[in-house]
Amino acid sequence: MSFGASAMRSGVLIAGLIMALIPTLADAHNCKCRNRGTMFELGQTSCLKVDGGSYLARCEMKLNVSSWTKVQDGCPVTQRLPQQSTRIN
């Protein structure tokens, strides 16, 4: 076997190993967003309070950096319904 063929096989082997590791490296790049000390996964939403106002935002990737993207003005509000009294006869 010639030196060129040996070098070619080594190059193909190295390229194959790199290609096999790419998904693992992508998983290791596990980006998250932070809001008020809480970490959020990509795709999760949170109410952000900025300069006295608030808005709903989603954690997304922009140019390889995790970032909040505004979804809507204001934040959803939940209210408890008053309990209805039940009469026992």
PDB file of N, CA and C in Angstrom:
ATOM      1  N   MET A   1       0.846  -1.168   0.000  1.00  0.00           N
ATOM      2  CA  MET A   1       0.000   0.000   0.000  1.00  0.00           C
ATOM      3  C   MET A   1       0.896   1.238   0.000  1.00  0.00           C
ATOM      4  N   SER A   2       0.578   2.204  -0.797  1.00  0.00           N
ATOM      5  CA  SER A   2       1.403   3.403  -0.911  1.00  0.00           C
ATOM      6  C   SER A   2       1.065   4.394   0.201  1.00  0.00           C
ATOM      7  N   PHE A   3       1.962   5.367   0.388  1.00  0.00           N
ATOM      8  CA  PHE A   3       1.769   6.394   1.403  1.00  0.00           C
ATOM      9  C   PHE A   3       0.499   7.196   1.136  1.00  0.00           C
ATOM     10  N   GLY A   4       0.222   7.491  -0.131  1.00  0.00           N
ATOM     11  CA  GLY A   4      -0.968   8.271  -0.489  1.00  0.00           C
ATOM     12  C   GLY A   4      -2.254   7.556  -0.107  1.00  0.00           C
ATOM     13  N   ALA A   5      -2.319   6.254  -0.334  1.00  0.00           N
ATOM     14  CA  ALA A   5      -3.521   5.485   0.011  1.00  0.00           C
ATOM     15  C   ALA A   5      -3.702   5.424   1.525  1.00  0.00           C
ATOM     16  N   SER A   6      -2.590   5.286   2.252  1.00  0.00           N
ATOM     17  CA  SER A   6      -2.653   5.237   3.711  1.00  0.00           C
ATOM     18  C   SER A   6      -3.132   6.573   4.279  1.00  0.00           C
ATOM     19  N   ALA A   7      -2.611   7.652   3.732  1.00  0.00           N
ATOM     20  CA  ALA A   7      -3.029   8.980   4.178  1.00  0.00           C
ATOM     21  C   ALA A   7      -4.501   9.218   3.857  1.00  0.00           C
ATOM     22  N   MET A   8      -4.935   8.728   2.702  1.00  0.00           N
ATOM     23  CA  MET A   8      -6.326   8.880   2.298  1.00  0.00           C
ATOM     24  C   MET A   8      -7.246   8.134   3.261  1.00  0.00           C
ATOM     25  N   ARG A   9      -6.865   6.901   3.625  1.00  0.00           N
ATOM     26  CA  ARG A   9      -7.683   6.129   4.568  1.00  0.00           C
ATOM     27  C   ARG A   9      -7.742   6.813   5.924  1.00  0.00           C
ATOM     28  N   SER A  10      -6.625   7.337   6.378  1.00  0.00           N
ATOM     29  CA  SER A  10      -6.599   8.044   7.658  1.00  0.00           C
ATOM     30  C   SER A  10      -7.506   9.264   7.615  1.00  0.00           C
ATOM     31  N   GLY A  11      -7.450   9.985   6.513  1.00  0.00           N
ATOM     32  CA  GLY A  11      -8.296  11.170   6.362  1.00  0.00           C
ATOM     33  C   GLY A  11      -9.773  10.818   6.370  1.00  0.00           C
ATOM     34  N   VAL A  12     -10.131   9.740   5.673  1.00  0.00           N
ATOM     35  CA  VAL A  12     -11.529   9.300   5.640  1.00  0.00           C
ATOM     36  C   VAL A  12     -11.971   8.853   7.027  1.00  0.00           C
ATOM     37  N   LEU A  13     -11.107   8.149   7.746  1.00  0.00           N
ATOM     38  CA  LEU A  13     -11.426   7.695   9.093  1.00  0.00           C
ATOM     39  C   LEU A  13     -11.654   8.881  10.026  1.00  0.00           C
ATOM     40  N   ILE A  14     -10.778   9.860   9.969  1.00  0.00           N
ATOM     41  CA  ILE A  14     -10.921  11.052  10.810  1.00  0.00           C
ATOM     42  C   ILE A  14     -12.195  11.808  10.456  1.00  0.00           C
ATOM     43  N   ALA A  15     -12.471  11.973   9.173  1.00  0.00           N
ATOM     44  CA  ALA A  15     -13.694  12.659   8.754  1.00  0.00           C
ATOM     45  C   ALA A  15     -14.930  11.910   9.244  1.00  0.00           C
ATOM     46  N   GLY A  16     -14.892  10.584   9.182  1.00  0.00           N
ATOM     47  CA  GLY A  16     -16.016   9.780   9.666  1.00  0.00           C
ATOM     48  C   GLY A  16     -16.244   9.950  11.155  1.00  0.00           C
ATOM     49  N   LEU A  17     -15.163   9.981  11.921  1.00  0.00           N
ATOM     50  CA  LEU A  17     -15.286  10.189  13.364  1.00  0.00           C
ATOM     51  C   LEU A  17     -15.858  11.566  13.682  1.00  0.00           C
ATOM     52  N   ILE A  18     -15.401  12.569  12.972  1.00  0.00           N
ATOM     53  CA  ILE A  18     -15.918  13.925  13.186  1.00  0.00           C
ATOM     54  C   ILE A  18     -17.406  13.982  12.868  1.00  0.00           C
ATOM     55  N   MET A  19     -17.807  13.379  11.749  1.00  0.00           N
ATOM     56  CA  MET A  19     -19.221  13.379  11.367  1.00  0.00           C
ATOM     57  C   MET A  19     -20.070  12.637  12.400  1.00  0.00           C
ATOM     58  N   ALA A  20     -19.519  11.593  12.989  1.00  0.00           N
ATOM     59  CA  ALA A  20     -20.258  10.834  14.003  1.00  0.00           C
ATOM     60  C   ALA A  20     -20.421  11.634  15.287  1.00  0.00           C
ATOM     61  N   LEU A  21     -19.479  12.526  15.579  1.00  0.00           N
ATOM     62  CA  LEU A  21     -19.534  13.308  16.811  1.00  0.00           C
ATOM     63  C   LEU A  21     -20.369  14.577  16.695  1.00  0.00           C
ATOM     64  N   ILE A  22     -20.692  15.015  15.497  1.00  0.00           N
ATOM     65  CA  ILE A  22     -21.424  16.272  15.326  1.00  0.00           C
ATOM     66  C   ILE A  22     -22.745  16.282  16.095  1.00  0.00           C
ATOM     67  N   PRO A  23     -23.596  15.247  16.030  1.00  0.00           N
ATOM     68  CA  PRO A  23     -24.833  15.290  16.819  1.00  0.00           C
ATOM     69  C   PRO A  23     -24.564  15.391  18.315  1.00  0.00           C
ATOM     70  N   THR A  24     -23.521  14.738  18.802  1.00  0.00           N
ATOM     71  CA  THR A  24     -23.175  14.816  20.216  1.00  0.00           C
ATOM     72  C   THR A  24     -22.752  16.227  20.584  1.00  0.00           C
ATOM     73  N   LEU A  25     -21.970  16.855  19.734  1.00  0.00           N
ATOM     74  CA  LEU A  25     -21.541  18.226  19.998  1.00  0.00           C
ATOM     75  C   LEU A  25     -22.717  19.181  19.966  1.00  0.00           C
ATOM     76  N   ALA A  26     -23.676  18.952  19.089  1.00  0.00           N
ATOM     77  CA  ALA A  26     -24.861  19.807  19.016  1.00  0.00           C
ATOM     78  C   ALA A  26     -25.679  19.676  20.290  1.00  0.00           C
ATOM     79  N   ASP A  27     -25.800  18.465  20.831  1.00  0.00           N
ATOM     80  CA  ASP A  27     -26.540  18.276  22.070  1.00  0.00           C
ATOM     81  C   ASP A  27     -25.825  18.934  23.239  1.00  0.00           C
ATOM     82  N   ALA A  28     -24.498  18.970  23.199  1.00  0.00           N
ATOM     83  CA  ALA A  28     -23.738  19.587  24.278  1.00  0.00           C
ATOM     84  C   ALA A  28     -23.945  21.093  24.292  1.00  0.00           C
ATOM     85  N   HIS A  29     -24.325  21.657  23.167  1.00  0.00           N
ATOM     86  CA  HIS A  29     -24.587  23.092  23.062  1.00  0.00           C
ATOM     87  C   HIS A  29     -26.036  23.339  23.483  1.00  0.00           C
ATOM     88  N   ASN A  30     -26.323  23.097  24.749  1.00  0.00           N
ATOM     89  CA  ASN A  30     -27.674  23.156  25.283  1.00  0.00           C
ATOM     90  C   ASN A  30     -27.941  24.560  25.815  1.00  0.00           C
ATOM     91  N   CYS A  31     -28.419  25.454  24.944  1.00  0.00           N
ATOM     92  CA  CYS A  31     -28.629  26.845  25.327  1.00  0.00           C
ATOM     93  C   CYS A  31     -29.960  27.023  26.036  1.00  0.00           C
ATOM     94  N   LYS A  32     -29.968  27.957  26.959  1.00  0.00           N
ATOM     95  CA  LYS A  32     -31.172  28.281  27.721  1.00  0.00           C
ATOM     96  C   LYS A  32     -31.247  29.789  27.874  1.00  0.00           C
ATOM     97  N   CYS A  33     -32.437  30.278  28.213  1.00  0.00           N
ATOM     98  CA  CYS A  33     -32.638  31.696  28.502  1.00  0.00           C
ATOM     99  C   CYS A  33     -32.862  31.847  30.002  1.00  0.00           C
ATOM    100  N   ARG A  34     -32.550  33.017  30.516  1.00  0.00           N
ATOM    101  CA  ARG A  34     -32.729  33.285  31.940  1.00  0.00           C
ATOM    102  C   ARG A  34     -33.684  34.468  32.112  1.00  0.00           C
ATOM    103  N   ASN A  35     -34.597  34.339  33.082  1.00  0.00           N
ATOM    104  CA  ASN A  35     -35.518  35.417  33.435  1.00  0.00           C
ATOM    105  C   ASN A  35     -35.720  35.387  34.942  1.00  0.00           C
ATOM    106  N   ARG A  36     -35.347  36.454  35.618  1.00  0.00           N
ATOM    107  CA  ARG A  36     -35.477  36.595  37.067  1.00  0.00           C
ATOM    108  C   ARG A  36     -34.886  35.400  37.812  1.00  0.00           C
ATOM    109  N   GLY A  37     -33.722  34.939  37.367  1.00  0.00           N
ATOM    110  CA  GLY A  37     -33.016  33.862  38.042  1.00  0.00           C
ATOM    111  C   GLY A  37     -33.482  32.460  37.695  1.00  0.00           C
ATOM    112  N   THR A  38     -34.483  32.332  36.830  1.00  0.00           N
ATOM    113  CA  THR A  38     -34.993  31.021  36.427  1.00  0.00           C
ATOM    114  C   THR A  38     -34.530  30.718  35.013  1.00  0.00           C
ATOM    115  N   MET A  39     -34.095  29.474  34.784  1.00  0.00           N
ATOM    116  CA  MET A  39     -33.642  29.059  33.454  1.00  0.00           C
ATOM    117  C   MET A  39     -34.813  28.487  32.658  1.00  0.00           C
ATOM    118  N   PHE A  40     -34.873  28.819  31.365  1.00  0.00           N
ATOM    119  CA  PHE A  40     -35.927  28.356  30.470  1.00  0.00           C
ATOM    120  C   PHE A  40     -35.298  27.670  29.268  1.00  0.00           C
ATOM    121  N   GLU A  41     -35.876  26.529  28.867  1.00  0.00           N
ATOM    122  CA  GLU A  41     -35.431  25.786  27.692  1.00  0.00           C
ATOM    123  C   GLU A  41     -35.868  26.523  26.431  1.00  0.00           C
ATOM    124  N   LEU A  42     -35.206  26.236  25.312  1.00  0.00           N
ATOM    125  CA  LEU A  42     -35.616  26.800  24.027  1.00  0.00           C
ATOM    126  C   LEU A  42     -37.059  26.410  23.752  1.00  0.00           C
ATOM    127  N   GLY A  43     -37.873  27.382  23.331  1.00  0.00           N
ATOM    128  CA  GLY A  43     -39.277  27.134  23.027  1.00  0.00           C
ATOM    129  C   GLY A  43     -40.214  27.465  24.173  1.00  0.00           C
ATOM    130  N   GLN A  44     -39.700  27.577  25.394  1.00  0.00           N
ATOM    131  CA  GLN A  44     -40.561  27.912  26.523  1.00  0.00           C
ATOM    132  C   GLN A  44     -40.857  29.404  26.533  1.00  0.00           C
ATOM    133  N   THR A  45     -41.980  29.783  27.148  1.00  0.00           N
ATOM    134  CA  THR A  45     -42.364  31.185  27.234  1.00  0.00           C
ATOM    135  C   THR A  45     -42.327  31.651  28.680  1.00  0.00           C
ATOM    136  N   SER A  46     -42.198  32.976  28.830  1.00  0.00           N
ATOM    137  CA  SER A  46     -42.174  33.578  30.154  1.00  0.00           C
ATOM    138  C   SER A  46     -42.638  35.024  30.042  1.00  0.00           C
ATOM    139  N   CYS A  47     -43.136  35.552  31.143  1.00  0.00           N
ATOM    140  CA  CYS A  47     -43.531  36.958  31.200  1.00  0.00           C
ATOM    141  C   CYS A  47     -42.301  37.778  31.592  1.00  0.00           C
ATOM    142  N   LEU A  48     -41.876  38.680  30.708  1.00  0.00           N
ATOM    143  CA  LEU A  48     -40.721  39.536  30.986  1.00  0.00           C
ATOM    144  C   LEU A  48     -41.210  40.902  31.437  1.00  0.00           C
ATOM    145  N   LYS A  49     -40.624  41.406  32.512  1.00  0.00           N
ATOM    146  CA  LYS A  49     -40.968  42.733  33.024  1.00  0.00           C
ATOM    147  C   LYS A  49     -39.784  43.648  32.768  1.00  0.00           C
ATOM    148  N   VAL A  50     -40.008  44.666  31.913  1.00  0.00           N
ATOM    149  CA  VAL A  50     -38.939  45.573  31.509  1.00  0.00           C
ATOM    150  C   VAL A  50     -39.443  47.009  31.578  1.00  0.00           C
ATOM    151  N   ASP A  51     -38.711  47.872  32.257  1.00  0.00           N
ATOM    152  CA  ASP A  51     -39.027  49.304  32.342  1.00  0.00           C
ATOM    153  C   ASP A  51     -40.478  49.569  32.721  1.00  0.00           C
ATOM    154  N   GLY A  52     -40.989  48.866  33.700  1.00  0.00           N
ATOM    155  CA  GLY A  52     -42.345  49.087  34.188  1.00  0.00           C
ATOM    156  C   GLY A  52     -43.430  48.418  33.365  1.00  0.00           C
ATOM    157  N   GLY A  53     -43.097  47.852  32.215  1.00  0.00           N
ATOM    158  CA  GLY A  53     -44.073  47.144  31.388  1.00  0.00           C
ATOM    159  C   GLY A  53     -43.787  45.653  31.399  1.00  0.00           C
ATOM    160  N   SER A  54     -44.681  44.904  30.789  1.00  0.00           N
ATOM    161  CA  SER A  54     -44.462  43.461  30.719  1.00  0.00           C
ATOM    162  C   SER A  54     -44.940  42.926  29.376  1.00  0.00           C
ATOM    163  N   TYR A  55     -44.322  41.832  28.940  1.00  0.00           N
ATOM    164  CA  TYR A  55     -44.750  41.170  27.708  1.00  0.00           C
ATOM    165  C   TYR A  55     -44.387  39.695  27.764  1.00  0.00           C
ATOM    166  N   LEU A  56     -45.121  38.904  26.987  1.00  0.00           N
ATOM    167  CA  LEU A  56     -44.873  37.475  26.895  1.00  0.00           C
ATOM    168  C   LEU A  56     -43.801  37.252  25.839  1.00  0.00           C
ATOM    169  N   ALA A  57     -42.791  36.437  26.167  1.00  0.00           N
ATOM    170  CA  ALA A  57     -41.685  36.184  25.239  1.00  0.00           C
ATOM    171  C   ALA A  57     -41.357  34.695  25.204  1.00  0.00           C
ATOM    172  N   ARG A  58     -40.767  34.265  24.080  1.00  0.00           N
ATOM    173  CA  ARG A  58     -40.366  32.867  23.878  1.00  0.00           C
ATOM    174  C   ARG A  58     -38.843  32.804  23.791  1.00  0.00           C
ATOM    175  N   CYS A  59     -38.251  31.803  24.426  1.00  0.00           N
ATOM    176  CA  CYS A  59     -36.805  31.580  24.376  1.00  0.00           C
ATOM    177  C   CYS A  59     -36.456  30.963  23.025  1.00  0.00           C
ATOM    178  N   GLU A  60     -35.590  31.633  22.245  1.00  0.00           N
ATOM    179  CA  GLU A  60     -35.211  31.174  20.907  1.00  0.00           C
ATOM    180  C   GLU A  60     -33.718  31.386  20.683  1.00  0.00           C
ATOM    181  N   MET A  61     -33.203  30.774  19.611  1.00  0.00           N
ATOM    182  CA  MET A  61     -31.809  30.971  19.209  1.00  0.00           C
ATOM    183  C   MET A  61     -31.758  32.002  18.088  1.00  0.00           C
ATOM    184  N   LYS A  62     -30.880  33.000  18.236  1.00  0.00           N
ATOM    185  CA  LYS A  62     -30.648  34.008  17.204  1.00  0.00           C
ATOM    186  C   LYS A  62     -29.141  34.143  17.033  1.00  0.00           C
ATOM    187  N   LEU A  63     -28.654  33.806  15.872  1.00  0.00           N
ATOM    188  CA  LEU A  63     -27.220  33.888  15.584  1.00  0.00           C
ATOM    189  C   LEU A  63     -26.388  33.167  16.638  1.00  0.00           C
ATOM    190  N   ASN A  64     -26.790  31.937  16.966  1.00  0.00           N
ATOM    191  CA  ASN A  64     -26.091  31.078  17.927  1.00  0.00           C
ATOM    192  C   ASN A  64     -26.067  31.624  19.348  1.00  0.00           C
ATOM    193  N   VAL A  65     -27.027  32.493  19.683  1.00  0.00           N
ATOM    194  CA  VAL A  65     -27.144  33.034  21.031  1.00  0.00           C
ATOM    195  C   VAL A  65     -28.596  32.885  21.467  1.00  0.00           C
ATOM    196  N   SER A  66     -28.821  32.427  22.689  1.00  0.00           N
ATOM    197  CA  SER A  66     -30.197  32.339  23.172  1.00  0.00           C
ATOM    198  C   SER A  66     -30.713  33.751  23.424  1.00  0.00           C
ATOM    199  N   SER A  67     -31.990  33.965  23.074  1.00  0.00           N
ATOM    200  CA  SER A  67     -32.560  35.302  23.145  1.00  0.00           C
ATOM    201  C   SER A  67     -34.064  35.204  23.357  1.00  0.00           C
ATOM    202  N   TRP A  68     -34.645  36.228  23.978  1.00  0.00           N
ATOM    203  CA  TRP A  68     -36.093  36.295  24.148  1.00  0.00           C
ATOM    204  C   TRP A  68     -36.701  37.002  22.948  1.00  0.00           C
ATOM    205  N   THR A  69     -37.770  36.414  22.383  1.00  0.00           N
ATOM    206  CA  THR A  69     -38.501  37.008  21.267  1.00  0.00           C
ATOM    207  C   THR A  69     -39.908  37.340  21.747  1.00  0.00           C
ATOM    208  N   LYS A  70     -40.303  38.593  21.566  1.00  0.00           N
ATOM    209  CA  LYS A  70     -41.622  39.044  22.020  1.00  0.00           C
ATOM    210  C   LYS A  70     -42.725  38.304  21.275  1.00  0.00           C
ATOM    211  N   VAL A  71     -43.697  37.766  22.032  1.00  0.00           N
ATOM    212  CA  VAL A  71     -44.830  37.045  21.457  1.00  0.00           C
ATOM    213  C   VAL A  71     -46.068  37.934  21.456  1.00  0.00           C
ATOM    214  N   GLN A  72     -46.294  38.647  22.562  1.00  0.00           N
ATOM    215  CA  GLN A  72     -47.453  39.539  22.659  1.00  0.00           C
ATOM    216  C   GLN A  72     -47.219  40.569  23.751  1.00  0.00           C
ATOM    217  N   ASP A  73     -47.896  41.705  23.639  1.00  0.00           N
ATOM    218  CA  ASP A  73     -47.862  42.709  24.697  1.00  0.00           C
ATOM    219  C   ASP A  73     -48.631  42.177  25.898  1.00  0.00           C
ATOM    220  N   GLY A  74     -48.171  42.530  27.076  1.00  0.00           N
ATOM    221  CA  GLY A  74     -48.844  42.065  28.284  1.00  0.00           C
ATOM    222  C   GLY A  74     -48.610  40.584  28.518  1.00  0.00           C
ATOM    223  N   CYS A  75     -49.025  40.138  29.682  1.00  0.00           N
ATOM    224  CA  CYS A  75     -48.860  38.733  30.050  1.00  0.00           C
ATOM    225  C   CYS A  75     -50.215  38.145  30.413  1.00  0.00           C
ATOM    226  N   PRO A  76     -50.409  36.859  30.141  1.00  0.00           N
ATOM    227  CA  PRO A  76     -51.676  36.226  30.511  1.00  0.00           C
ATOM    228  C   PRO A  76     -51.890  36.300  32.022  1.00  0.00           C
ATOM    229  N   VAL A  77     -53.123  36.495  32.407  1.00  0.00           N
ATOM    230  CA  VAL A  77     -53.466  36.581  33.824  1.00  0.00           C
ATOM    231  C   VAL A  77     -54.484  35.493  34.131  1.00  0.00           C
ATOM    232  N   THR A  78     -54.251  34.776  35.188  1.00  0.00           N
ATOM    233  CA  THR A  78     -55.227  33.779  35.620  1.00  0.00           C
ATOM    234  C   THR A  78     -55.933  34.294  36.860  1.00  0.00           C
ATOM    235  N   GLN A  79     -57.183  33.977  36.969  1.00  0.00           N
ATOM    236  CA  GLN A  79     -57.964  34.399  38.127  1.00  0.00           C
ATOM    237  C   GLN A  79     -58.655  33.187  38.720  1.00  0.00           C
ATOM    238  N   ARG A  80     -58.759  33.187  40.027  1.00  0.00           N
ATOM    239  CA  ARG A  80     -59.515  32.132  40.699  1.00  0.00           C
ATOM    240  C   ARG A  80     -60.971  32.533  40.725  1.00  0.00           C
ATOM    241  N   LEU A  81     -61.806  31.606  40.366  1.00  0.00           N
ATOM    242  CA  LEU A  81     -63.234  31.856  40.458  1.00  0.00           C
ATOM    243  C   LEU A  81     -63.647  31.735  41.917  1.00  0.00           C
ATOM    244  N   PRO A  82     -64.580  32.594  42.335  1.00  0.00           N
ATOM    245  CA  PRO A  82     -65.033  32.478  43.727  1.00  0.00           C
ATOM    246  C   PRO A  82     -65.685  31.111  43.945  1.00  0.00           C
ATOM    247  N   GLN A  83     -65.438  30.540  45.105  1.00  0.00           N
ATOM    248  CA  GLN A  83     -66.030  29.246  45.401  1.00  0.00           C
ATOM    249  C   GLN A  83     -67.526  29.395  45.605  1.00  0.00           C
ATOM    250  N   GLN A  84     -68.254  28.482  45.032  1.00  0.00           N
ATOM    251  CA  GLN A  84     -69.699  28.486  45.220  1.00  0.00           C
ATOM    252  C   GLN A  84     -69.999  27.679  46.468  1.00  0.00           C
ATOM    253  N   SER A  85     -70.836  28.254  47.294  1.00  0.00           N
ATOM    254  CA  SER A  85     -71.188  27.525  48.512  1.00  0.00           C
ATOM    255  C   SER A  85     -72.184  26.428  48.175  1.00  0.00           C
ATOM    256  N   THR A  86     -72.013  25.311  48.795  1.00  0.00           N
ATOM    257  CA  THR A  86     -72.951  24.207  48.585  1.00  0.00           C
ATOM    258  C   THR A  86     -73.739  23.997  49.866  1.00  0.00           C
ATOM    259  N   ARG A  87     -75.010  23.860  49.707  1.00  0.00           N
ATOM    260  CA  ARG A  87     -75.882  23.664  50.867  1.00  0.00           C
ATOM    261  C   ARG A  87     -76.011  22.180  51.144  1.00  0.00           C
ATOM    262  N   ILE A  88     -75.881  21.850  52.379  1.00  0.00           N
ATOM    263  CA  ILE A  88     -76.074  20.467  52.797  1.00  0.00           C
ATOM    264  C   ILE A  88     -77.432  20.384  53.472  1.00  0.00           C
ATOM    265  N   ASN A  89     -78.309  19.561  52.965  1.00  0.00           N
ATOM    266  CA  ASN A  89     -79.657  19.423  53.543  1.00  0.00           C
ATOM    267  C   ASN A  89     -79.720  18.303  54.517  1.00  0.00           C
TER     268      ASN A  89
END
